[in-house]
Amino acid sequence: MKRVQQGFTLIELMIVVAIIGILAAVAIPQYQNYVIKSRIANVMSSVDSLKTAVAVCIQENGGSGTNCTTGGTGVEIPAFTPTAEVSTATVSGGIITATLRDAVGAGTGAQIVFTPAANATGSAVTWALSGVNVTNTAVTTLLQKNNVPAAAAGTGTGTGTGTGT
């Protein structure tokens, strides 16, 4: 009489568990990187309203950001509404300082400073991360990866000629 196999052997089950363990060892660090990336993207987008207000202020003041301050006179810079990633953000002289929450993984009291750079006519404003007070190297790397260097932030001058129709 022949016996019919009724289940998996112990070896087969152990192989499956080992494969799942290897996949988990690779997937968990990648998942953590994606979580950090999404939180940093939220940090960057949460200060967009302040960036827009400061850019308008700089343009209205002829390229100068000295009067662009939260609660200051002249162009009104709106008050920042805290988010899940950013606890406070203030504007002083056109410079935005955002204080991150611990949920971002950047460290307690971590701050990011956004410095505007207007071109010679004040018609275009670019932003550079002039100060990053972050203790997590993964967060720092992600912030610097897409950061416009201060030298390339549109502060130079140039001349050119051309014709158009």
N, C-alpha and C. Protein backbone atom coordinates (compact mmCIF):
# COMPACT_ATOMS: atom_id res chain seq x y z
N MET A 1 0.82 -1.16 0.00
CA MET A 1 0.00 0.00 0.00
C MET A 1 0.89 1.25 0.00
N LYS A 2 0.51 2.22 -0.81
CA LYS A 2 1.28 3.44 -0.95
C LYS A 2 0.70 4.53 -0.07
N ARG A 3 1.60 5.29 0.63
CA ARG A 3 1.14 6.40 1.47
C ARG A 3 1.10 7.68 0.65
N VAL A 4 0.08 8.46 0.82
CA VAL A 4 -0.06 9.73 0.14
C VAL A 4 0.52 10.83 1.04
N GLN A 5 1.33 11.68 0.43
CA GLN A 5 1.92 12.77 1.20
C GLN A 5 0.82 13.75 1.59
N GLN A 6 0.80 14.17 2.88
CA GLN A 6 -0.29 15.00 3.36
C GLN A 6 0.13 16.41 3.76
N GLY A 7 1.36 16.78 3.57
CA GLY A 7 1.78 18.12 3.96
C GLY A 7 3.22 18.37 3.55
N PHE A 8 3.75 19.49 4.03
CA PHE A 8 5.12 19.85 3.72
C PHE A 8 6.05 19.24 4.76
N THR A 9 7.25 18.95 4.33
CA THR A 9 8.23 18.42 5.28
C THR A 9 8.83 19.58 6.07
N LEU A 10 9.49 19.24 7.13
CA LEU A 10 10.12 20.26 7.96
C LEU A 10 11.18 21.04 7.19
N ILE A 11 11.92 20.37 6.35
CA ILE A 11 12.97 21.02 5.54
C ILE A 11 12.34 22.04 4.59
N GLU A 12 11.26 21.68 3.95
CA GLU A 12 10.59 22.61 3.03
C GLU A 12 10.10 23.86 3.77
N LEU A 13 9.54 23.66 4.93
CA LEU A 13 9.08 24.81 5.71
C LEU A 13 10.24 25.69 6.16
N MET A 14 11.36 25.08 6.54
CA MET A 14 12.52 25.85 6.96
C MET A 14 13.10 26.66 5.79
N ILE A 15 13.08 26.10 4.60
CA ILE A 15 13.57 26.83 3.42
C ILE A 15 12.69 28.05 3.15
N VAL A 16 11.38 27.89 3.24
CA VAL A 16 10.46 29.00 3.03
C VAL A 16 10.68 30.10 4.07
N VAL A 17 10.86 29.73 5.33
CA VAL A 17 11.10 30.71 6.39
C VAL A 17 12.42 31.43 6.15
N ALA A 18 13.45 30.72 5.69
CA ALA A 18 14.74 31.35 5.41
C ALA A 18 14.62 32.35 4.27
N ILE A 19 13.89 32.01 3.23
CA ILE A 19 13.69 32.92 2.10
C ILE A 19 12.95 34.17 2.55
N ILE A 20 11.92 34.02 3.34
CA ILE A 20 11.17 35.17 3.85
C ILE A 20 12.07 36.04 4.72
N GLY A 21 12.92 35.44 5.53
CA GLY A 21 13.85 36.20 6.37
C GLY A 21 14.83 37.00 5.55
N ILE A 22 15.35 36.42 4.48
CA ILE A 22 16.29 37.14 3.61
C ILE A 22 15.59 38.32 2.93
N LEU A 23 14.39 38.09 2.43
CA LEU A 23 13.63 39.17 1.78
C LEU A 23 13.33 40.30 2.76
N ALA A 24 12.98 39.95 3.99
CA ALA A 24 12.69 40.97 5.00
C ALA A 24 13.95 41.75 5.36
N ALA A 25 15.09 41.10 5.42
CA ALA A 25 16.34 41.79 5.74
C ALA A 25 16.70 42.81 4.68
N VAL A 26 16.33 42.56 3.45
CA VAL A 26 16.60 43.51 2.37
C VAL A 26 15.53 44.59 2.32
N ALA A 27 14.28 44.24 2.56
CA ALA A 27 13.16 45.15 2.37
C ALA A 27 13.02 46.19 3.48
N ILE A 28 13.30 45.83 4.71
CA ILE A 28 13.07 46.76 5.83
C ILE A 28 13.93 48.02 5.72
N PRO A 29 15.24 47.92 5.46
CA PRO A 29 16.02 49.17 5.30
C PRO A 29 15.53 50.04 4.13
N GLN A 30 15.14 49.40 3.03
CA GLN A 30 14.62 50.16 1.90
C GLN A 30 13.32 50.86 2.26
N TYR A 31 12.48 50.19 3.00
CA TYR A 31 11.22 50.79 3.44
C TYR A 31 11.48 52.00 4.31
N GLN A 32 12.46 51.90 5.21
CA GLN A 32 12.79 53.03 6.08
C GLN A 32 13.29 54.22 5.28
N ASN A 33 14.07 53.96 4.21
CA ASN A 33 14.53 55.05 3.35
C ASN A 33 13.36 55.73 2.65
N TYR A 34 12.39 54.95 2.20
CA TYR A 34 11.22 55.53 1.54
C TYR A 34 10.38 56.35 2.52
N VAL A 35 10.30 55.92 3.75
CA VAL A 35 9.57 56.68 4.77
C VAL A 35 10.26 58.03 5.00
N ILE A 36 11.58 58.01 5.11
CA ILE A 36 12.33 59.26 5.32
C ILE A 36 12.16 60.17 4.11
N LYS A 37 12.23 59.60 2.90
CA LYS A 37 12.05 60.41 1.69
C LYS A 37 10.69 61.08 1.66
N SER A 38 9.66 60.35 2.03
CA SER A 38 8.32 60.94 2.01
C SER A 38 8.18 62.03 3.06
N ARG A 39 8.79 61.84 4.21
CA ARG A 39 8.72 62.87 5.26
C ARG A 39 9.48 64.12 4.86
N ILE A 40 10.64 63.96 4.23
CA ILE A 40 11.41 65.11 3.77
C ILE A 40 10.64 65.84 2.67
N ALA A 41 9.98 65.10 1.79
CA ALA A 41 9.16 65.74 0.75
C ALA A 41 8.04 66.55 1.38
N ASN A 42 7.45 66.04 2.45
CA ASN A 42 6.41 66.78 3.16
C ASN A 42 6.97 68.03 3.83
N VAL A 43 8.18 67.94 4.36
CA VAL A 43 8.82 69.11 4.97
C VAL A 43 9.03 70.18 3.91
N MET A 44 9.56 69.79 2.75
CA MET A 44 9.84 70.75 1.70
C MET A 44 8.56 71.40 1.18
N SER A 45 7.49 70.63 1.05
CA SER A 45 6.25 71.20 0.52
C SER A 45 5.49 72.00 1.59
N SER A 46 5.73 71.73 2.86
CA SER A 46 4.99 72.46 3.90
C SER A 46 5.41 73.92 4.00
N VAL A 47 6.62 74.25 3.55
CA VAL A 47 7.06 75.64 3.59
C VAL A 47 6.87 76.36 2.25
N ASP A 48 6.23 75.69 1.29
CA ASP A 48 6.03 76.31 -0.03
C ASP A 48 5.21 77.60 0.04
N SER A 49 4.21 77.65 0.91
CA SER A 49 3.41 78.88 1.00
C SER A 49 4.27 80.04 1.49
N LEU A 50 5.18 79.76 2.41
CA LEU A 50 6.08 80.81 2.90
C LEU A 50 7.07 81.22 1.81
N LYS A 51 7.55 80.25 1.04
CA LYS A 51 8.46 80.56 -0.06
C LYS A 51 7.79 81.48 -1.08
N THR A 52 6.54 81.17 -1.39
CA THR A 52 5.80 81.99 -2.35
C THR A 52 5.62 83.41 -1.82
N ALA A 53 5.23 83.53 -0.56
CA ALA A 53 5.02 84.85 0.04
C ALA A 53 6.32 85.65 0.08
N VAL A 54 7.43 85.00 0.40
CA VAL A 54 8.72 85.70 0.45
C VAL A 54 9.14 86.11 -0.96
N ALA A 55 8.91 85.25 -1.94
CA ALA A 55 9.27 85.59 -3.32
C ALA A 55 8.48 86.81 -3.80
N VAL A 56 7.19 86.87 -3.47
CA VAL A 56 6.37 88.04 -3.83
C VAL A 56 6.89 89.28 -3.11
N CYS A 57 7.22 89.14 -1.86
CA CYS A 57 7.75 90.26 -1.08
C CYS A 57 9.05 90.77 -1.68
N ILE A 58 9.94 89.86 -2.06
CA ILE A 58 11.22 90.26 -2.65
C ILE A 58 10.99 90.98 -3.98
N GLN A 59 10.07 90.46 -4.77
CA GLN A 59 9.79 91.10 -6.06
C GLN A 59 9.19 92.49 -5.87
N GLU A 60 8.32 92.64 -4.88
CA GLU A 60 7.71 93.94 -4.64
C GLU A 60 8.66 94.94 -4.01
N ASN A 61 9.74 94.44 -3.42
CA ASN A 61 10.73 95.33 -2.79
C ASN A 61 11.98 95.48 -3.66
N GLY A 62 11.87 95.17 -4.93
CA GLY A 62 12.98 95.40 -5.86
C GLY A 62 14.17 94.49 -5.65
N GLY A 63 13.95 93.27 -5.22
CA GLY A 63 15.05 92.32 -5.06
C GLY A 63 15.61 92.24 -3.66
N SER A 64 15.05 92.98 -2.73
CA SER A 64 15.54 92.97 -1.35
C SER A 64 14.56 92.21 -0.46
N GLY A 65 15.10 91.33 0.36
CA GLY A 65 14.26 90.55 1.27
C GLY A 65 14.30 91.03 2.70
N THR A 66 14.91 92.18 2.97
CA THR A 66 15.07 92.64 4.35
C THR A 66 13.74 92.96 5.03
N ASN A 67 12.72 93.37 4.27
CA ASN A 67 11.42 93.70 4.87
C ASN A 67 10.48 92.49 4.91
N CYS A 68 10.94 91.36 4.48
CA CYS A 68 10.09 90.16 4.42
C CYS A 68 10.22 89.38 5.73
N THR A 69 9.31 89.66 6.66
CA THR A 69 9.35 89.05 7.99
C THR A 69 7.94 88.70 8.42
N THR A 70 7.80 87.58 9.10
CA THR A 70 6.50 87.20 9.62
C THR A 70 6.03 88.26 10.60
N GLY A 71 4.83 88.80 10.37
CA GLY A 71 4.28 89.83 11.24
C GLY A 71 4.88 91.20 11.03
N GLY A 72 5.71 91.34 9.99
CA GLY A 72 6.34 92.63 9.74
C GLY A 72 5.41 93.57 8.98
N THR A 73 5.91 94.76 8.72
CA THR A 73 5.12 95.73 7.97
C THR A 73 5.40 95.56 6.48
N GLY A 74 4.53 96.09 5.66
CA GLY A 74 4.70 95.96 4.22
C GLY A 74 3.98 94.74 3.72
N VAL A 75 4.67 93.90 3.00
CA VAL A 75 4.06 92.68 2.46
C VAL A 75 3.78 91.71 3.60
N GLU A 76 2.59 91.21 3.64
CA GLU A 76 2.18 90.31 4.73
C GLU A 76 2.68 88.89 4.46
N ILE A 77 3.53 88.39 5.32
CA ILE A 77 3.97 87.00 5.28
C ILE A 77 3.03 86.23 6.19
N PRO A 78 2.35 85.21 5.68
CA PRO A 78 1.36 84.51 6.50
C PRO A 78 2.01 83.73 7.65
N ALA A 79 1.23 83.52 8.69
CA ALA A 79 1.70 82.71 9.81
C ALA A 79 1.71 81.25 9.36
N PHE A 80 2.68 80.51 9.83
CA PHE A 80 2.83 79.11 9.45
C PHE A 80 1.89 78.24 10.27
N THR A 81 1.24 77.30 9.61
CA THR A 81 0.40 76.32 10.30
C THR A 81 1.21 75.05 10.49
N PRO A 82 1.42 74.60 11.74
CA PRO A 82 2.23 73.41 11.98
C PRO A 82 1.68 72.18 11.26
N THR A 83 2.59 71.32 10.84
CA THR A 83 2.23 70.08 10.17
C THR A 83 2.76 68.90 10.98
N ALA A 84 2.56 67.70 10.47
CA ALA A 84 3.05 66.50 11.16
C ALA A 84 4.58 66.44 11.17
N GLU A 85 5.23 67.12 10.23
CA GLU A 85 6.68 67.07 10.14
C GLU A 85 7.37 68.34 10.64
N VAL A 86 6.71 69.50 10.51
CA VAL A 86 7.32 70.78 10.86
C VAL A 86 6.52 71.41 12.00
N SER A 87 7.20 71.67 13.12
CA SER A 87 6.50 72.25 14.27
C SER A 87 6.36 73.76 14.14
N THR A 88 7.41 74.44 13.70
CA THR A 88 7.35 75.89 13.51
C THR A 88 8.16 76.28 12.28
N ALA A 89 7.77 77.41 11.70
CA ALA A 89 8.54 77.99 10.60
C ALA A 89 8.39 79.50 10.71
N THR A 90 9.49 80.20 10.72
CA THR A 90 9.47 81.65 10.83
C THR A 90 10.23 82.26 9.67
N VAL A 91 9.87 83.50 9.35
CA VAL A 91 10.54 84.24 8.28
C VAL A 91 11.13 85.50 8.90
N SER A 92 12.41 85.70 8.68
CA SER A 92 13.09 86.90 9.17
C SER A 92 14.04 87.38 8.08
N GLY A 93 13.75 88.54 7.54
CA GLY A 93 14.59 89.09 6.48
C GLY A 93 14.58 88.23 5.23
N GLY A 94 13.48 87.53 4.99
CA GLY A 94 13.36 86.68 3.82
C GLY A 94 13.87 85.27 4.03
N ILE A 95 14.56 85.02 5.11
CA ILE A 95 15.13 83.69 5.39
C ILE A 95 14.11 82.89 6.20
N ILE A 96 13.80 81.70 5.71
CA ILE A 96 12.82 80.84 6.37
C ILE A 96 13.56 79.80 7.21
N THR A 97 13.20 79.72 8.49
CA THR A 97 13.78 78.72 9.39
C THR A 97 12.67 77.78 9.82
N ALA A 98 12.80 76.51 9.44
CA ALA A 98 11.80 75.50 9.77
C ALA A 98 12.36 74.56 10.83
N THR A 99 11.61 74.38 11.92
CA THR A 99 12.00 73.45 12.98
C THR A 99 11.22 72.17 12.79
N LEU A 100 11.97 71.06 12.66
CA LEU A 100 11.35 69.77 12.38
C LEU A 100 10.91 69.06 13.65
N ARG A 101 9.91 68.23 13.50
CA ARG A 101 9.47 67.38 14.61
C ARG A 101 10.34 66.13 14.65
N ASP A 102 10.29 65.43 15.77
CA ASP A 102 11.07 64.21 15.92
C ASP A 102 10.61 63.11 14.96
N ALA A 103 9.37 63.18 14.48
CA ALA A 103 8.82 62.14 13.60
C ALA A 103 9.58 62.05 12.28
N VAL A 104 10.27 63.12 11.89
CA VAL A 104 11.00 63.11 10.63
C VAL A 104 12.23 62.21 10.74
N GLY A 105 12.75 62.05 11.94
CA GLY A 105 13.95 61.24 12.13
C GLY A 105 15.22 62.06 11.99
N ALA A 106 15.10 63.37 12.06
CA ALA A 106 16.26 64.24 11.87
C ALA A 106 16.96 64.57 13.18
N GLY A 107 16.37 64.24 14.30
CA GLY A 107 16.96 64.57 15.59
C GLY A 107 16.15 65.65 16.28
N THR A 108 16.28 65.73 17.58
CA THR A 108 15.52 66.69 18.37
C THR A 108 15.95 68.12 18.05
N GLY A 109 14.98 68.97 17.74
CA GLY A 109 15.26 70.38 17.47
C GLY A 109 15.96 70.65 16.15
N ALA A 110 15.93 69.71 15.23
CA ALA A 110 16.59 69.90 13.94
C ALA A 110 15.94 71.04 13.18
N GLN A 111 16.75 71.83 12.49
CA GLN A 111 16.24 72.96 11.73
C GLN A 111 16.79 72.94 10.32
N ILE A 112 15.99 73.49 9.41
CA ILE A 112 16.42 73.69 8.03
C ILE A 112 16.22 75.17 7.72
N VAL A 113 17.22 75.79 7.16
CA VAL A 113 17.16 77.21 6.83
C VAL A 113 17.14 77.36 5.31
N PHE A 114 16.08 77.99 4.80
CA PHE A 114 15.93 78.24 3.37
C PHE A 114 16.32 79.69 3.11
N THR A 115 17.35 79.90 2.29
CA THR A 115 17.82 81.24 2.00
C THR A 115 17.47 81.60 0.56
N PRO A 116 16.77 82.73 0.36
CA PRO A 116 16.42 83.13 -1.00
C PRO A 116 17.58 83.84 -1.69
N ALA A 117 17.64 83.68 -2.98
CA ALA A 117 18.61 84.41 -3.79
C ALA A 117 17.86 84.98 -4.99
N ALA A 118 17.78 86.29 -5.06
CA ALA A 118 17.08 86.95 -6.17
C ALA A 118 18.09 87.33 -7.24
N ASN A 119 17.63 87.32 -8.50
CA ASN A 119 18.52 87.78 -9.56
C ASN A 119 18.64 89.30 -9.48
N ALA A 120 19.40 89.87 -10.38
CA ALA A 120 19.71 91.30 -10.30
C ALA A 120 18.47 92.19 -10.34
N THR A 121 17.43 91.79 -11.05
CA THR A 121 16.24 92.62 -11.14
C THR A 121 15.20 92.26 -10.09
N GLY A 122 15.42 91.18 -9.38
CA GLY A 122 14.46 90.75 -8.36
C GLY A 122 13.25 90.05 -8.95
N SER A 123 13.32 89.70 -10.24
CA SER A 123 12.17 89.08 -10.89
C SER A 123 12.13 87.57 -10.70
N ALA A 124 13.23 86.96 -10.29
CA ALA A 124 13.26 85.51 -10.07
C ALA A 124 13.96 85.22 -8.75
N VAL A 125 13.39 84.32 -7.99
CA VAL A 125 13.97 83.96 -6.70
C VAL A 125 14.21 82.45 -6.70
N THR A 126 15.41 82.06 -6.33
CA THR A 126 15.71 80.65 -6.15
C THR A 126 16.05 80.43 -4.68
N TRP A 127 16.00 79.18 -4.26
CA TRP A 127 16.19 78.86 -2.85
C TRP A 127 17.35 77.91 -2.67
N ALA A 128 18.08 78.13 -1.60
CA ALA A 128 19.18 77.24 -1.23
C ALA A 128 19.03 76.88 0.25
N LEU A 129 19.42 75.67 0.57
CA LEU A 129 19.44 75.25 1.97
C LEU A 129 20.76 75.73 2.54
N SER A 130 20.73 76.88 3.20
CA SER A 130 21.97 77.46 3.68
C SER A 130 22.39 76.90 5.02
N GLY A 131 21.48 76.31 5.75
CA GLY A 131 21.84 75.73 7.03
C GLY A 131 20.98 74.52 7.30
N VAL A 132 21.62 73.42 7.58
CA VAL A 132 20.88 72.21 7.91
C VAL A 132 21.43 71.70 9.23
N ASN A 133 20.61 71.76 10.26
CA ASN A 133 21.01 71.31 11.58
C ASN A 133 20.30 69.98 11.84
N VAL A 134 20.79 68.93 11.18
CA VAL A 134 20.16 67.62 11.24
C VAL A 134 21.21 66.60 11.64
N THR A 135 20.86 65.73 12.59
CA THR A 135 21.84 64.76 13.07
C THR A 135 21.79 63.44 12.31
N ASN A 136 20.72 63.14 11.62
CA ASN A 136 20.59 61.88 10.87
C ASN A 136 21.23 62.05 9.50
N THR A 137 22.24 61.23 9.19
CA THR A 137 22.96 61.37 7.92
C THR A 137 22.08 61.03 6.73
N ALA A 138 21.13 60.12 6.87
CA ALA A 138 20.23 59.79 5.75
C ALA A 138 19.37 60.99 5.39
N VAL A 139 18.89 61.71 6.39
CA VAL A 139 18.08 62.90 6.14
C VAL A 139 18.94 63.99 5.50
N THR A 140 20.15 64.19 6.00
CA THR A 140 21.04 65.21 5.44
C THR A 140 21.34 64.91 3.98
N THR A 141 21.61 63.64 3.67
CA THR A 141 21.89 63.25 2.29
C THR A 141 20.71 63.54 1.39
N LEU A 142 19.50 63.23 1.84
CA LEU A 142 18.31 63.48 1.04
C LEU A 142 18.08 64.97 0.84
N LEU A 143 18.34 65.77 1.84
CA LEU A 143 18.16 67.21 1.72
C LEU A 143 19.17 67.81 0.75
N GLN A 144 20.40 67.36 0.81
CA GLN A 144 21.44 67.92 -0.03
C GLN A 144 21.38 67.40 -1.46
N LYS A 145 20.73 66.26 -1.66
CA LYS A 145 20.66 65.66 -2.98
C LYS A 145 19.96 66.57 -3.98
N ASN A 146 18.87 67.21 -3.57
CA ASN A 146 18.11 68.06 -4.47
C ASN A 146 18.26 69.54 -4.15
N ASN A 147 19.26 69.89 -3.38
CA ASN A 147 19.47 71.27 -2.98
C ASN A 147 20.19 72.04 -4.08
N VAL A 148 19.71 73.26 -4.34
CA VAL A 148 20.40 74.14 -5.27
C VAL A 148 21.60 74.73 -4.53
N PRO A 149 22.81 74.52 -5.01
CA PRO A 149 23.95 75.12 -4.33
C PRO A 149 23.83 76.63 -4.31
N ALA A 150 24.32 77.25 -3.25
CA ALA A 150 24.20 78.70 -3.10
C ALA A 150 24.87 79.43 -4.25
N ALA A 151 25.97 78.90 -4.79
CA ALA A 151 26.67 79.56 -5.89
C ALA A 151 25.84 79.53 -7.17
N ALA A 152 24.98 78.54 -7.34
CA ALA A 152 24.17 78.42 -8.55
C ALA A 152 22.76 78.94 -8.34
N ALA A 153 22.56 79.69 -7.29
CA ALA A 153 21.20 80.11 -6.94
C ALA A 153 20.76 81.37 -7.66
N GLY A 154 21.44 81.76 -8.73
CA GLY A 154 20.99 82.89 -9.52
C GLY A 154 21.49 84.23 -9.00
N THR A 155 22.60 84.22 -8.25
CA THR A 155 23.09 85.47 -7.69
C THR A 155 24.13 86.13 -8.60
N GLY A 156 24.57 85.47 -9.63
CA GLY A 156 25.59 86.03 -10.51
C GLY A 156 24.99 86.96 -11.55
N THR A 157 25.88 87.59 -12.30
CA THR A 157 25.44 88.48 -13.38
C THR A 157 26.05 87.98 -14.67
N GLY A 158 25.47 88.39 -15.76
CA GLY A 158 26.00 87.97 -17.04
C GLY A 158 25.48 88.89 -18.13
N THR A 159 26.16 88.81 -19.28
CA THR A 159 25.73 89.61 -20.42
C THR A 159 25.56 88.70 -21.61
N GLY A 160 24.78 89.13 -22.57
CA GLY A 160 24.61 88.34 -23.77
C GLY A 160 23.94 89.16 -24.84
N THR A 161 24.08 88.71 -26.06
CA THR A 161 23.42 89.40 -27.17
C THR A 161 22.67 88.37 -27.98
N GLY A 162 21.71 88.82 -28.73
CA GLY A 162 20.95 87.91 -29.58
C GLY A 162 19.89 88.65 -30.33
N THR A 163 19.36 87.99 -31.30
CA THR A 163 18.28 88.56 -32.08
C THR A 163 17.09 87.64 -32.03
N GLY A 164 15.94 88.17 -32.22
CA GLY A 164 14.74 87.34 -32.19
C GLY A 164 13.71 87.85 -33.18
N THR A 165 12.82 87.00 -33.53
CA THR A 165 11.76 87.42 -34.45
C THR A 165 10.42 87.29 -33.81
